[in-house]
C-alpha atoms as a PDB file:
ATOM      1  CA  MET A   1       3.875  16.574  31.511  1.00  0.00           C
ATOM      2  CA  ALA A   2       3.468  14.967  34.887  1.00  0.00           C
ATOM      3  CA  GLY A   3       0.942  12.478  33.502  1.00  0.00           C
ATOM      4  CA  THR A   4       3.397  10.857  31.093  1.00  0.00           C
ATOM      5  CA  GLU A   5       5.514   9.499  33.973  1.00  0.00           C
ATOM      6  CA  GLN A   6       2.734   7.063  34.845  1.00  0.00           C
ATOM      7  CA  GLU A   7       2.009   6.171  31.238  1.00  0.00           C
ATOM      8  CA  SER A   8       2.819   2.638  30.118  1.00  0.00           C
ATOM      9  CA  LEU A   9       3.079   0.875  26.788  1.00  0.00           C
ATOM     10  CA  ASP A  10      -0.550  -0.230  27.095  1.00  0.00           C
ATOM     11  CA  ASP A  11      -1.661   3.427  27.273  1.00  0.00           C
ATOM     12  CA  LEU A  12       0.048   4.432  24.016  1.00  0.00           C
ATOM     13  CA  PRO A  13      -1.687   4.754  20.640  1.00  0.00           C
ATOM     14  CA  PRO A  14      -1.582   1.801  18.215  1.00  0.00           C
ATOM     15  CA  SER A  15       1.072   3.500  16.076  1.00  0.00           C
ATOM     16  CA  ALA A  16       3.484   3.643  19.034  1.00  0.00           C
ATOM     17  CA  LYS A  17       2.810  -0.019  19.820  1.00  0.00           C
ATOM     18  CA  LEU A  18       3.532  -0.907  16.186  1.00  0.00           C
ATOM     19  CA  VAL A  19       6.827   1.009  16.258  1.00  0.00           C
ATOM     20  CA  PHE A  20       7.714  -0.809  19.493  1.00  0.00           C
ATOM     21  CA  LYS A  21       7.032  -4.190  17.840  1.00  0.00           C
ATOM     22  CA  VAL A  22       9.028  -3.231  14.729  1.00  0.00           C
ATOM     23  CA  LEU A  23      12.016  -2.395  16.934  1.00  0.00           C
ATOM     24  CA  GLU A  24      11.491  -5.563  18.958  1.00  0.00           C
ATOM     25  CA  TYR A  25      11.526  -7.791  15.868  1.00  0.00           C
ATOM     26  CA  ASN A  26      14.110  -5.964  13.735  1.00  0.00           C
ATOM     27  CA  GLY A  27      16.482  -4.533  16.325  1.00  0.00           C
ATOM     28  CA  PRO A  28      17.989  -1.056  16.038  1.00  0.00           C
ATOM     29  CA  LEU A  29      16.695   0.968  13.071  1.00  0.00           C
ATOM     30  CA  THR A  30      16.825   4.518  11.779  1.00  0.00           C
ATOM     31  CA  GLN A  31      13.597   6.485  11.535  1.00  0.00           C
ATOM     32  CA  LYS A  32      13.630   5.837   7.795  1.00  0.00           C
ATOM     33  CA  GLY A  33      13.944   2.100   8.444  1.00  0.00           C
ATOM     34  CA  ILE A  34      11.036   2.191  10.878  1.00  0.00           C
ATOM     35  CA  VAL A  35       8.924   4.037   8.280  1.00  0.00           C
ATOM     36  CA  GLN A  36       9.715   1.358   5.683  1.00  0.00           C
ATOM     37  CA  GLU A  37       9.050  -1.576   8.010  1.00  0.00           C
ATOM     38  CA  SER A  38       5.888  -0.203   9.620  1.00  0.00           C
ATOM     39  CA  MET A  39       4.436   1.495   6.521  1.00  0.00           C
ATOM     40  CA  LEU A  40       3.487   4.447   8.738  1.00  0.00           C
ATOM     41  CA  SER A  41       4.108   8.052   7.710  1.00  0.00           C
ATOM     42  CA  ALA A  42       7.325   9.737   8.832  1.00  0.00           C
ATOM     43  CA  ARG A  43       5.319  12.145  10.978  1.00  0.00           C
ATOM     44  CA  THR A  44       3.484   9.308  12.728  1.00  0.00           C
ATOM     45  CA  VAL A  45       6.754   7.478  13.376  1.00  0.00           C
ATOM     46  CA  ARG A  46       8.302  10.650  14.846  1.00  0.00           C
ATOM     47  CA  TYR A  47       5.338  11.069  17.178  1.00  0.00           C
ATOM     48  CA  ALA A  48       5.421   7.392  18.180  1.00  0.00           C
ATOM     49  CA  LEU A  49       9.153   7.574  18.918  1.00  0.00           C
ATOM     50  CA  GLU A  50       8.610  10.680  21.078  1.00  0.00           C
ATOM     51  CA  ARG A  51       5.955   8.837  23.075  1.00  0.00           C
ATOM     52  CA  LEU A  52       8.139   5.729  23.438  1.00  0.00           C
ATOM     53  CA  GLU A  53      11.114   7.824  24.539  1.00  0.00           C
ATOM     54  CA  GLY A  54       8.813   9.578  27.010  1.00  0.00           C
ATOM     55  CA  ILE A  55       8.197   6.307  28.864  1.00  0.00           C
ATOM     56  CA  ASP A  56      11.850   5.222  28.549  1.00  0.00           C
ATOM     57  CA  VAL A  57      11.404   2.161  26.362  1.00  0.00           C
ATOM     58  CA  VAL A  58      13.358   3.509  23.364  1.00  0.00           C
ATOM     59  CA  ASP A  59      16.886   4.955  23.223  1.00  0.00           C
ATOM     60  CA  GLU A  60      18.167   7.278  20.518  1.00  0.00           C
ATOM     61  CA  ASP A  61      21.817   6.974  19.428  1.00  0.00           C
ATOM     62  CA  VAL A  62      23.976   8.371  16.654  1.00  0.00           C
ATOM     63  CA  TYR A  63      23.901   6.337  13.460  1.00  0.00           C
ATOM     64  CA  PHE A  64      27.573   6.223  12.546  1.00  0.00           C
ATOM     65  CA  ALA A  65      26.993   5.222   8.922  1.00  0.00           C
ATOM     66  CA  ASP A  66      25.165   8.546   8.413  1.00  0.00           C
ATOM     67  CA  ALA A  67      25.499  11.075  11.241  1.00  0.00           C
ATOM     68  CA  ARG A  68      22.470  12.987   9.938  1.00  0.00           C
ATOM     69  CA  GLN A  69      20.256  10.153  11.153  1.00  0.00           C
ATOM     70  CA  ASN A  70      19.623   8.607  14.548  1.00  0.00           C
ATOM     71  CA  LEU A  71      19.436   4.952  15.452  1.00  0.00           C
ATOM     72  CA  TYR A  72      16.534   3.854  17.642  1.00  0.00           C
ATOM     73  CA  GLN A  73      16.536   0.743  19.800  1.00  0.00           C
ATOM     74  CA  LEU A  74      14.656  -0.690  22.752  1.00  0.00           C
ATOM     75  CA  THR A  75      16.083  -0.020  26.191  1.00  0.00           C
ATOM     76  CA  GLU A  76      17.095  -2.892  28.483  1.00  0.00           C
ATOM     77  CA  PRO A  77      13.939  -2.652  30.689  1.00  0.00           C
ATOM     78  CA  ALA A  78      11.785  -2.737  27.542  1.00  0.00           C
ATOM     79  CA  GLN A  79      13.503  -5.920  26.382  1.00  0.00           C
ATOM     80  CA  GLU A  80      12.857  -7.505  29.781  1.00  0.00           C
ATOM     81  CA  PHE A  81       9.206  -6.431  29.491  1.00  0.00           C
ATOM     82  CA  THR A  82       8.805  -8.260  26.185  1.00  0.00           C
ATOM     83  CA  ALA A  83      10.511 -11.385  27.550  1.00  0.00           C
ATOM     84  CA  ASP A  84       8.136 -11.412  30.536  1.00  0.00           C
ATOM     85  CA  SER A  85       5.070 -11.027  28.309  1.00  0.00           C
ATOM     86  CA  GLU A  86       6.236 -13.871  26.038  1.00  0.00           C
ATOM     87  CA  GLU A  87       6.685 -16.158  29.067  1.00  0.00           C
ATOM     88  CA  ALA A  88       3.184 -15.304  30.281  1.00  0.00           C
ATOM     89  CA  THR A  89       1.758 -16.073  26.831  1.00  0.00           C
ATOM     90  CA  CYS A  90       3.557 -19.422  26.676  1.00  0.00           C
ATOM     91  CA  ALA A  91       2.317 -20.351  30.161  1.00  0.00           C
ATOM     92  CA  ASP A  92      -1.309 -20.022  29.061  1.00  0.00           C
END
């Protein structure tokens, strides 16, 4: 998948952008939490998370409260990206 290296958040499907925003607003969540917050299907959330992990804006960690689940959160560069876009919006 050489093409995914050049892919950005703008190139992703709307479902992936929604999952990104859910994580941005709510902080780290399990896949089940993302499904509840976004009202997307579990399959769609899984696909969106794969795409977001593919462009390195989401990290997957162990959810210590229930080791059967993973905890998803935005990476540091992704958080800087959202801060930059908010500053640009405020400047307008």
